[in-house]
Amino acid sequence: MGRKWNAVLALGIAYIVAAAVAVADKGLSLSGTVAAPEKASSLGKVASLGGITYHHVWPPMKFGWQIVLGSFVGSLGAMLGSIGGVGGGGIFVPMLTLIIGFDPKSSAAMSKCMITGGAISTVYCTLKQKHPTLDMPVIDYDLALLVQPMLMLGVSIGVICNVIFPDWLVTVLLIILFIGTATKTLRKGVETWKKENLIKNEAAARQSEQSSEENEYTLPPTEHDAAAEKTKSSDEAVSIWKNIYWKEFGLLAFVWVAFLALQVTKNYNAICSTWYWALSLLQIPVSIGVSMYQAVGLLKGKRVISSRENKQGSPKAHQLMVYCFFGITAGILAGLLGVGGGTVMGPLFLELGIPPQVSSATATYVMMYSSSIAVVEYYLLKRFPIPYALFFSSLAFFAAIVGQRVARKVINLLGRASFIIFILSFMIFVSAISLGEVGISNIIHKMSQHKYMGFGNICEYHA
């Protein structure tokens, strides 16, 4: 538990230090803040932010090597993101920036469209699957109901931060968080691999002992045998209608509809007007209310996170607060960076002792709600072109289905679920390198052009 609090403290210090430096930088001269003209082959969409001209670069959509290579990389990212439960934003954003040619902010918005497409198809596949060892769905609805409302609240904050925060601050936060979570997840994968080896060795020893006996006495099935048997049967699809916890599903849908209604209504009011902020603040009681309802049920023992490895006793209040904190942090990072909230939620679920299959499915399920809300917000801010969004979202949709099929076959073939954790760690590490490289390159370019690198003003933003 001490390591978790150290991680929280380090993240908080990074926020404070970065904000202080940016505020100091705000007082510098704004000379050279007008963006340079974009390439003639790109469509420049101008936005004004705090008196600074920013060009959204939207390349014309035509068939060429960029589309072919981008489609291949995007499909690979969607497949791996579907398996690991991270969405794939760490691959989508660099692909859209470096290959297709979008500007960084538009790439983050486009990435959310692709994450939503992949998440929808992944959730459809997992709705029919059972838990690997328990008689329950592979999606832990009680866990989702605790973190999803906070995740969506974080996304709304993150989208606003995407408009305001300077690129260097985003890059610093990204590198610190992703490298830390990738390392932690890799250790968890190695630990799970060792446990699987132990179970396999025990099973082999029992089988050898049984075959060496001359009599026909059959050993009674052990806990591991029962788990293995259920793992085999868990792959069989069941009726969606019987495999959904409709009460929890309804509450999650209510949060999504409430956020959607608030976002659409907010669009008809001037930015920073009284009604704009009133509608924005209404998201807080909706999200906190539903999460508190679930937290109270867990504390009183009326509800239980069944997938937890250690189910003895109800979770403590401070533990639930930490889970909600990580949920809102994951949402902020998702909206800010254009990645899936699974980058934070996946490792957190694994630390709770959630099986890899359940962790991936539940993270993707809550990510579907949060990323779709982010798409609506980005659309209302006019942050991405519709034709590109439809094309790459459809691509991610079908690629994620392939990823789910491959994952099930690999689990059945190897008899191991730990490879999901290794893919999760790999995706987070690749995201840290690729997104970090894009961010650092952008910072160097702005420094060479003596451009303003402080905070912007959301009230003066015009798409």
Protein backbone atom coordinates (compact mmCIF):
# COMPACT_ATOMS: atom_id res chain seq x y z
CA MET A 1 0.00 0.00 0.00
CA GLY A 2 2.97 2.29 0.69
CA ARG A 3 4.08 2.10 -2.94
CA LYS A 4 0.63 3.20 -4.13
CA TRP A 5 0.71 6.27 -1.90
CA ASN A 6 4.25 7.05 -3.11
CA ALA A 7 2.98 6.93 -6.68
CA VAL A 8 0.07 9.23 -5.81
CA LEU A 9 2.45 11.65 -4.04
CA ALA A 10 4.88 11.67 -6.96
CA LEU A 11 2.05 12.37 -9.42
CA GLY A 12 0.80 15.23 -7.24
CA ILE A 13 4.27 16.77 -6.98
CA ALA A 14 4.67 16.55 -10.76
CA TYR A 15 1.38 18.43 -11.22
CA ILE A 16 2.37 21.17 -8.75
CA VAL A 17 5.89 21.71 -10.08
CA ALA A 18 4.79 21.68 -13.71
CA ALA A 19 1.96 24.12 -13.04
CA ALA A 20 4.27 26.51 -11.18
CA VAL A 21 6.78 26.56 -14.04
CA ALA A 22 4.02 27.11 -16.61
CA VAL A 23 2.52 29.99 -14.64
CA ALA A 24 5.95 31.63 -14.46
CA ASP A 25 6.36 31.12 -18.18
CA LYS A 26 2.99 32.81 -18.78
CA GLY A 27 4.54 36.18 -18.04
CA LEU A 28 7.01 35.93 -20.92
CA SER A 29 6.64 37.88 -24.14
CA LEU A 30 4.19 36.53 -26.67
CA SER A 31 6.47 37.34 -29.57
CA GLY A 32 6.41 34.82 -32.36
CA THR A 33 3.16 33.22 -31.24
CA VAL A 34 1.54 33.15 -34.65
CA ALA A 35 1.79 29.67 -36.10
CA ALA A 36 3.78 29.25 -39.28
CA PRO A 37 1.85 28.56 -42.45
CA GLU A 38 1.14 24.87 -42.93
CA LYS A 39 2.02 22.77 -45.96
CA ALA A 40 0.03 23.47 -49.07
CA SER A 41 -1.19 19.86 -49.05
CA SER A 42 -2.87 20.27 -45.67
CA LEU A 43 -6.11 21.98 -44.71
CA GLY A 44 -5.35 24.49 -41.97
CA LYS A 45 -8.25 25.15 -39.60
CA VAL A 46 -7.49 28.21 -37.49
CA ALA A 47 -8.45 28.42 -33.81
CA SER A 48 -7.91 31.32 -31.47
CA LEU A 49 -6.80 30.64 -27.91
CA GLY A 50 -5.93 33.53 -25.64
CA GLY A 51 -4.94 35.75 -28.55
CA ILE A 52 -2.72 33.01 -30.00
CA THR A 53 -3.39 31.68 -33.48
CA TYR A 54 -3.33 27.88 -33.65
CA HIS A 55 -3.67 25.97 -36.93
CA HIS A 56 -5.49 22.63 -36.85
CA VAL A 57 -3.83 20.64 -39.64
CA TRP A 58 -6.29 18.31 -41.39
CA PRO A 59 -4.72 16.58 -44.41
CA PRO A 60 -6.98 16.01 -47.42
CA MET A 61 -8.35 12.48 -47.42
CA LYS A 62 -6.98 10.72 -50.49
CA PHE A 63 -5.59 7.25 -51.13
CA GLY A 64 -1.81 7.04 -50.79
CA TRP A 65 1.01 5.44 -48.84
CA GLN A 66 0.08 7.47 -45.75
CA ILE A 67 -3.42 5.96 -45.61
CA VAL A 68 -2.10 2.43 -46.27
CA LEU A 69 0.66 2.59 -43.65
CA GLY A 70 -1.56 4.42 -41.18
CA SER A 71 -4.30 1.80 -41.60
CA PHE A 72 -1.82 -1.01 -40.93
CA VAL A 73 -0.36 0.64 -37.82
CA GLY A 74 -3.83 1.63 -36.61
CA SER A 75 -5.15 -1.92 -37.05
CA LEU A 76 -2.20 -3.33 -35.12
CA GLY A 77 -2.75 -0.81 -32.33
CA ALA A 78 -6.48 -1.61 -32.14
CA MET A 79 -5.80 -5.36 -31.97
CA LEU A 80 -3.22 -5.07 -29.18
CA GLY A 81 -5.27 -2.40 -27.39
CA SER A 82 -8.31 -4.68 -27.46
CA ILE A 83 -6.34 -7.54 -25.91
CA GLY A 84 -4.64 -5.41 -23.25
CA GLY A 85 -7.68 -3.25 -22.48
CA VAL A 86 -5.86 0.05 -23.07
CA GLY A 87 -7.60 1.26 -26.24
CA GLY A 88 -4.45 1.81 -28.29
CA GLY A 89 -4.20 5.60 -28.05
CA GLY A 90 -0.45 5.39 -27.48
CA ILE A 91 -0.11 4.06 -31.02
CA PHE A 92 -2.98 6.00 -32.62
CA VAL A 93 -1.74 9.49 -31.68
CA PRO A 94 1.82 9.10 -33.11
CA MET A 95 0.40 7.37 -36.20
CA LEU A 96 -2.04 10.20 -36.86
CA THR A 97 0.64 12.84 -36.23
CA LEU A 98 3.72 11.36 -37.92
CA ILE A 99 2.16 9.31 -40.75
CA ILE A 100 -1.20 10.89 -41.61
CA GLY A 101 -0.09 14.46 -40.81
CA PHE A 102 -2.59 15.76 -38.23
CA ASP A 103 -1.50 18.35 -35.68
CA PRO A 104 -1.07 16.99 -32.10
CA LYS A 105 -4.36 18.32 -30.72
CA SER A 106 -6.41 17.01 -33.64
CA SER A 107 -4.58 13.67 -33.35
CA ALA A 108 -5.69 13.38 -29.72
CA ALA A 109 -9.31 13.97 -30.76
CA MET A 110 -9.10 11.52 -33.68
CA SER A 111 -7.52 8.96 -31.36
CA LYS A 112 -10.60 9.05 -29.10
CA CYS A 113 -12.77 8.23 -32.14
CA MET A 114 -10.62 5.17 -32.87
CA ILE A 115 -10.62 4.10 -29.22
CA THR A 116 -14.42 4.33 -29.14
CA GLY A 117 -14.75 2.21 -32.28
CA GLY A 118 -12.45 -0.49 -30.91
CA ALA A 119 -14.06 -0.41 -27.46
CA ILE A 120 -17.59 -0.89 -28.83
CA SER A 121 -16.66 -4.06 -30.74
CA THR A 122 -14.58 -5.39 -27.83
CA VAL A 123 -17.44 -4.88 -25.37
CA TYR A 124 -19.85 -6.62 -27.75
CA CYS A 125 -17.54 -9.65 -27.81
CA THR A 126 -17.06 -9.74 -24.03
CA LEU A 127 -20.76 -9.26 -23.15
CA LYS A 128 -21.29 -12.91 -24.07
CA GLN A 129 -18.34 -14.30 -22.11
CA LYS A 130 -18.20 -15.71 -18.59
CA HIS A 131 -15.64 -15.14 -15.83
CA PRO A 132 -12.68 -17.58 -16.19
CA THR A 133 -13.25 -19.21 -12.76
CA LEU A 134 -16.54 -17.89 -11.33
CA ASP A 135 -20.16 -18.15 -12.37
CA MET A 136 -20.49 -14.50 -13.37
CA PRO A 137 -19.88 -12.33 -16.45
CA VAL A 138 -16.29 -11.58 -17.45
CA ILE A 139 -17.14 -7.87 -16.96
CA ASP A 140 -17.20 -6.98 -13.25
CA TYR A 141 -20.18 -4.61 -13.20
CA ASP A 142 -19.79 -3.72 -9.50
CA LEU A 143 -16.20 -2.60 -10.09
CA ALA A 144 -17.24 -0.71 -13.23
CA LEU A 145 -20.03 1.08 -11.37
CA LEU A 146 -17.53 2.34 -8.78
CA VAL A 147 -14.95 3.83 -11.18
CA GLN A 148 -16.86 4.64 -14.40
CA PRO A 149 -18.68 7.79 -13.16
CA MET A 150 -15.40 9.23 -11.84
CA LEU A 151 -13.66 8.28 -15.07
CA MET A 152 -16.23 10.20 -17.12
CA LEU A 153 -15.95 13.23 -14.87
CA GLY A 154 -12.19 13.11 -15.38
CA VAL A 155 -12.62 12.97 -19.16
CA SER A 156 -14.65 16.20 -19.12
CA ILE A 157 -11.89 17.87 -17.11
CA GLY A 158 -9.22 16.40 -19.39
CA VAL A 159 -10.84 17.73 -22.58
CA ILE A 160 -10.79 21.25 -21.14
CA CYS A 161 -7.16 20.72 -20.06
CA ASN A 162 -6.35 19.62 -23.62
CA VAL A 163 -7.31 23.11 -24.78
CA ILE A 164 -5.51 24.91 -21.93
CA PHE A 165 -2.37 22.94 -21.01
CA PRO A 166 0.96 23.61 -22.78
CA ASP A 167 2.46 20.72 -24.72
CA TRP A 168 5.57 20.43 -22.52
CA LEU A 169 3.45 19.86 -19.40
CA VAL A 170 1.44 17.16 -21.16
CA THR A 171 4.67 15.44 -22.25
CA VAL A 172 6.20 15.50 -18.75
CA LEU A 173 3.08 14.01 -17.14
CA LEU A 174 2.80 11.38 -19.84
CA ILE A 175 6.38 10.11 -19.55
CA ILE A 176 6.32 9.98 -15.73
CA LEU A 177 3.02 8.15 -15.53
CA PHE A 178 3.44 5.71 -18.41
CA ILE A 179 6.94 4.52 -17.52
CA GLY A 180 5.88 3.99 -13.90
CA THR A 181 2.74 2.03 -14.77
CA ALA A 182 4.51 -0.01 -17.50
CA THR A 183 7.19 -1.11 -15.01
CA LYS A 184 4.62 -1.98 -12.35
CA THR A 185 2.51 -3.93 -14.84
CA LEU A 186 5.53 -5.87 -16.12
CA ARG A 187 6.33 -6.98 -12.58
CA LYS A 188 2.73 -8.09 -12.15
CA GLY A 189 2.98 -10.08 -15.39
CA VAL A 190 6.13 -11.88 -14.21
CA GLU A 191 4.45 -12.66 -10.88
CA THR A 192 1.38 -14.08 -12.65
CA TRP A 193 3.59 -16.12 -15.01
CA LYS A 194 5.33 -17.72 -12.01
CA LYS A 195 1.98 -18.57 -10.41
CA GLU A 196 0.85 -20.20 -13.65
CA ASN A 197 4.07 -22.22 -13.78
CA LEU A 198 3.44 -23.45 -10.23
CA ILE A 199 -0.12 -24.48 -11.09
CA LYS A 200 1.05 -26.30 -14.24
CA ASN A 201 3.79 -28.12 -12.33
CA GLU A 202 1.35 -29.21 -9.62
CA ALA A 203 -1.10 -30.46 -12.25
CA ALA A 204 1.67 -32.38 -14.06
CA ALA A 205 2.83 -33.95 -10.79
CA ARG A 206 -0.70 -35.07 -9.91
CA GLN A 207 -1.20 -36.54 -13.36
CA SER A 208 2.10 -38.41 -13.20
CA GLU A 209 1.30 -39.77 -9.74
CA GLN A 210 -2.14 -40.86 -10.83
CA SER A 211 -0.90 -42.64 -13.98
CA SER A 212 1.76 -44.53 -12.00
CA GLU A 213 -0.79 -46.10 -9.68
CA GLU A 214 -1.79 -49.63 -10.62
CA ASN A 215 -5.34 -49.38 -9.35
CA GLU A 216 -8.06 -47.38 -11.00
CA TYR A 217 -8.57 -45.03 -8.08
CA THR A 218 -9.31 -41.52 -9.32
CA LEU A 219 -8.16 -38.52 -7.33
CA PRO A 220 -10.91 -36.06 -6.39
CA PRO A 221 -10.82 -32.84 -8.40
CA THR A 222 -8.83 -30.03 -6.79
CA GLU A 223 -9.52 -26.31 -6.75
CA HIS A 224 -7.09 -25.78 -9.64
CA ASP A 225 -8.77 -28.55 -11.65
CA ALA A 226 -12.15 -26.91 -11.12
CA ALA A 227 -10.73 -23.55 -12.14
CA ALA A 228 -9.20 -25.04 -15.27
CA GLU A 229 -12.49 -26.75 -16.14
CA LYS A 230 -14.38 -23.49 -15.73
CA THR A 231 -11.77 -21.72 -17.83
CA LYS A 232 -12.55 -24.07 -20.68
CA SER A 233 -16.28 -23.53 -20.36
CA SER A 234 -15.91 -19.77 -19.96
CA ASP A 235 -14.97 -19.47 -23.59
CA GLU A 236 -18.41 -20.66 -24.63
CA ALA A 237 -20.66 -17.73 -25.48
CA VAL A 238 -23.90 -17.40 -23.54
CA SER A 239 -26.97 -15.27 -24.12
CA ILE A 240 -26.24 -11.56 -23.72
CA TRP A 241 -29.60 -11.04 -22.02
CA LYS A 242 -28.70 -13.52 -19.27
CA ASN A 243 -25.09 -12.38 -18.91
CA ILE A 244 -25.71 -8.70 -18.12
CA TYR A 245 -26.37 -7.27 -14.67
CA TRP A 246 -29.16 -4.98 -15.78
CA LYS A 247 -29.39 -2.82 -12.64
CA GLU A 248 -25.70 -1.88 -12.78
CA PHE A 249 -25.90 -1.56 -16.56
CA GLY A 250 -28.84 0.83 -16.21
CA LEU A 251 -27.00 3.04 -13.70
CA LEU A 252 -23.95 3.21 -15.97
CA ALA A 253 -26.16 4.09 -18.93
CA PHE A 254 -27.87 6.79 -16.82
CA VAL A 255 -24.51 8.44 -16.09
CA TRP A 256 -23.61 8.35 -19.79
CA VAL A 257 -26.96 9.83 -20.91
CA ALA A 258 -26.77 12.52 -18.21
CA PHE A 259 -23.27 13.54 -19.29
CA LEU A 260 -24.30 13.50 -22.96
CA ALA A 261 -27.34 15.72 -22.29
CA LEU A 262 -25.22 18.18 -20.30
CA GLN A 263 -22.55 18.33 -23.01
CA VAL A 264 -25.05 18.90 -25.83
CA THR A 265 -26.95 21.54 -23.83
CA LYS A 266 -23.70 23.24 -22.89
CA ASN A 267 -22.86 23.61 -26.57
CA TYR A 268 -25.75 26.05 -27.02
CA ASN A 269 -24.28 28.45 -24.44
CA ALA A 270 -21.34 30.77 -24.85
CA ILE A 271 -18.04 29.45 -23.47
CA CYS A 272 -17.46 30.65 -19.89
CA SER A 273 -20.99 32.04 -19.59
CA THR A 274 -22.90 31.43 -16.35
CA TRP A 275 -24.96 28.63 -17.89
CA TYR A 276 -21.84 27.06 -19.43
CA TRP A 277 -20.18 26.64 -16.03
CA ALA A 278 -23.45 25.71 -14.31
CA LEU A 279 -24.01 22.83 -16.74
CA SER A 280 -20.35 21.80 -16.42
CA LEU A 281 -20.57 21.70 -12.62
CA LEU A 282 -23.76 19.59 -12.75
CA GLN A 283 -21.58 16.68 -13.89
CA ILE A 284 -20.01 16.57 -10.41
CA PRO A 285 -23.12 15.55 -8.39
CA VAL A 286 -24.12 13.03 -11.08
CA SER A 287 -20.76 11.22 -11.07
CA ILE A 288 -20.04 11.49 -7.34
CA GLY A 289 -23.62 10.48 -6.47
CA VAL A 290 -23.50 7.20 -8.41
CA SER A 291 -19.97 6.34 -7.21
CA MET A 292 -20.95 7.11 -3.59
CA TYR A 293 -24.05 4.92 -3.94
CA GLN A 294 -21.85 2.02 -5.04
CA ALA A 295 -19.16 2.74 -2.41
CA VAL A 296 -21.70 2.71 0.44
CA GLY A 297 -23.06 -0.62 -0.79
CA LEU A 298 -19.53 -2.08 -0.84
CA LEU A 299 -18.74 -0.76 2.64
CA LYS A 300 -21.94 -2.25 4.11
CA GLY A 301 -21.37 -5.58 2.38
CA LYS A 302 -24.54 -5.30 0.28
CA ARG A 303 -22.36 -5.37 -2.81
CA VAL A 304 -19.07 -7.09 -3.47
CA ILE A 305 -16.35 -6.90 -6.09
CA SER A 306 -16.48 -10.64 -6.77
CA SER A 307 -13.42 -10.74 -9.03
CA ARG A 308 -11.04 -9.64 -6.28
CA GLU A 309 -8.41 -12.23 -5.35
CA ASN A 310 -8.85 -11.47 -1.64
CA LYS A 311 -12.58 -11.25 -0.94
CA GLN A 312 -12.31 -11.52 2.85
CA GLY A 313 -14.16 -8.58 4.37
CA SER A 314 -15.46 -5.41 2.76
CA PRO A 315 -12.99 -2.90 1.30
CA LYS A 316 -11.99 0.00 3.53
CA ALA A 317 -13.20 3.56 2.94
CA HIS A 318 -9.70 4.85 2.17
CA GLN A 319 -9.24 2.05 -0.39
CA LEU A 320 -12.43 3.05 -2.20
CA MET A 321 -11.29 6.69 -2.17
CA VAL A 322 -8.00 5.65 -3.80
CA TYR A 323 -9.88 3.68 -6.47
CA CYS A 324 -12.07 6.70 -7.23
CA PHE A 325 -9.01 8.97 -7.29
CA PHE A 326 -7.34 6.75 -9.85
CA GLY A 327 -10.59 6.68 -11.82
CA ILE A 328 -10.79 10.47 -12.13
CA THR A 329 -7.02 10.66 -12.81
CA ALA A 330 -7.39 8.09 -15.61
CA GLY A 331 -10.22 10.17 -17.11
CA ILE A 332 -8.21 13.39 -16.99
CA LEU A 333 -5.28 11.72 -18.72
CA ALA A 334 -7.62 10.12 -21.28
CA GLY A 335 -9.19 13.44 -22.24
CA LEU A 336 -5.89 15.32 -22.06
CA LEU A 337 -3.68 12.92 -24.02
CA GLY A 338 -6.19 11.22 -26.30
CA VAL A 339 -5.42 7.77 -24.86
CA GLY A 340 -7.72 5.24 -23.25
CA GLY A 341 -8.33 5.32 -19.51
CA GLY A 342 -7.32 1.66 -19.45
CA THR A 343 -3.68 2.79 -19.31
CA VAL A 344 -4.28 3.60 -15.64
CA MET A 345 -7.31 1.41 -14.86
CA GLY A 346 -5.78 -1.82 -16.22
CA PRO A 347 -2.76 -1.83 -13.86
CA LEU A 348 -5.01 -0.72 -10.97
CA PHE A 349 -7.41 -3.63 -11.53
CA LEU A 350 -4.50 -6.07 -11.66
CA GLU A 351 -3.22 -4.71 -8.33
CA LEU A 352 -6.65 -5.48 -6.86
CA GLY A 353 -6.12 -9.12 -7.79
CA ILE A 354 -8.54 -9.06 -10.73
CA PRO A 355 -7.78 -11.83 -13.31
CA PRO A 356 -6.21 -10.50 -16.54
CA GLN A 357 -9.23 -11.39 -18.70
CA VAL A 358 -11.61 -9.62 -16.31
CA SER A 359 -9.29 -6.64 -15.91
CA SER A 360 -9.05 -6.15 -19.68
CA ALA A 361 -12.81 -6.61 -20.26
CA THR A 362 -13.86 -4.30 -17.40
CA ALA A 363 -11.33 -1.60 -18.31
CA THR A 364 -12.54 -1.63 -21.92
CA TYR A 365 -16.18 -1.52 -20.78
CA VAL A 366 -15.76 1.63 -18.68
CA MET A 367 -13.49 3.08 -21.38
CA MET A 368 -16.28 2.72 -23.96
CA TYR A 369 -18.46 5.15 -22.00
CA SER A 370 -15.71 7.67 -21.27
CA SER A 371 -14.19 7.71 -24.75
CA SER A 372 -17.58 8.12 -26.46
CA ILE A 373 -18.33 11.15 -24.26
CA ALA A 374 -14.91 12.58 -25.18
CA VAL A 375 -15.76 12.12 -28.88
CA VAL A 376 -18.97 14.13 -28.40
CA GLU A 377 -17.06 16.89 -26.61
CA TYR A 378 -14.36 17.02 -29.28
CA TYR A 379 -17.04 17.07 -32.00
CA LEU A 380 -18.78 20.02 -30.36
CA LEU A 381 -15.39 21.77 -30.21
CA LYS A 382 -14.87 20.94 -33.94
CA ARG A 383 -11.58 19.20 -33.26
CA PHE A 384 -11.61 16.46 -35.95
CA PRO A 385 -12.79 15.93 -39.58
CA ILE A 386 -15.80 13.60 -39.90
CA PRO A 387 -14.63 11.51 -42.95
CA TYR A 388 -11.32 10.59 -41.30
CA ALA A 389 -13.08 9.83 -38.01
CA LEU A 390 -15.56 7.45 -39.67
CA PHE A 391 -12.84 5.65 -41.62
CA PHE A 392 -10.40 5.07 -38.76
CA SER A 393 -13.17 4.29 -36.23
CA SER A 394 -14.51 1.57 -38.53
CA LEU A 395 -10.98 0.25 -39.01
CA ALA A 396 -10.45 0.03 -35.24
CA PHE A 397 -13.88 -1.61 -34.81
CA PHE A 398 -13.06 -4.59 -37.03
CA ALA A 399 -9.42 -4.85 -35.93
CA ALA A 400 -10.52 -5.11 -32.27
CA ILE A 401 -12.79 -8.06 -33.15
CA VAL A 402 -9.80 -9.84 -34.69
CA GLY A 403 -7.76 -9.07 -31.58
CA GLN A 404 -10.41 -10.63 -29.31
CA ARG A 405 -10.55 -13.80 -31.39
CA VAL A 406 -6.76 -14.12 -31.39
CA ALA A 407 -6.60 -13.57 -27.62
CA ARG A 408 -9.09 -16.36 -26.90
CA LYS A 409 -7.23 -18.79 -29.14
CA VAL A 410 -3.87 -17.96 -27.54
CA ILE A 411 -5.26 -18.42 -24.02
CA ASN A 412 -6.70 -21.81 -24.97
CA LEU A 413 -3.47 -22.86 -26.69
CA LEU A 414 -1.03 -21.77 -23.96
CA GLY A 415 -3.30 -22.20 -20.96
CA ARG A 416 -2.02 -18.84 -19.71
CA ALA A 417 -3.73 -15.47 -19.26
CA SER A 418 -0.54 -13.67 -18.20
CA PHE A 419 0.26 -12.79 -21.82
CA ILE A 420 -2.56 -10.21 -21.56
CA ILE A 421 -0.60 -8.48 -18.79
CA PHE A 422 2.58 -8.50 -20.89
CA ILE A 423 0.70 -6.96 -23.83
CA LEU A 424 -0.71 -4.31 -21.48
CA SER A 425 2.79 -3.48 -20.22
CA PHE A 426 4.16 -3.43 -23.78
CA MET A 427 1.42 -1.07 -24.98
CA ILE A 428 1.97 1.35 -22.09
CA PHE A 429 5.75 1.34 -22.63
CA VAL A 430 5.36 1.90 -26.39
CA SER A 431 2.94 4.73 -25.62
CA ALA A 432 5.50 6.38 -23.33
CA ILE A 433 8.19 6.26 -26.02
CA SER A 434 6.07 7.22 -29.03
CA LEU A 435 3.98 9.93 -27.40
CA GLY A 436 7.03 11.22 -25.52
CA GLU A 437 8.99 11.49 -28.76
CA VAL A 438 6.16 13.38 -30.49
CA GLY A 439 5.81 15.72 -27.52
CA ILE A 440 9.54 16.43 -27.22
CA SER A 441 9.83 17.10 -30.97
CA ASN A 442 6.94 19.54 -30.75
CA ILE A 443 8.53 21.30 -27.76
CA ILE A 444 11.88 21.66 -29.54
CA HIS A 445 10.14 23.11 -32.59
CA LYS A 446 8.25 25.66 -30.48
CA MET A 447 11.39 26.65 -28.60
CA SER A 448 13.29 27.17 -31.84
CA GLN A 449 10.46 29.40 -33.10
CA HIS A 450 10.29 31.29 -29.75
CA LYS A 451 6.62 30.46 -29.42
CA TYR A 452 4.56 30.95 -26.28
CA MET A 453 4.61 27.77 -24.15
CA GLY A 454 2.40 28.66 -21.19
CA PHE A 455 -1.22 28.00 -20.31
CA GLY A 456 -4.01 29.14 -22.62
CA ASN A 457 -7.43 30.59 -21.75
CA ILE A 458 -10.46 28.39 -22.42
CA CYS A 459 -12.72 31.47 -22.34
CA GLU A 460 -10.94 32.90 -25.38
CA TYR A 461 -10.96 29.69 -27.40
CA HIS A 462 -12.82 29.73 -30.71
CA ALA A 463 -12.74 26.61 -32.90
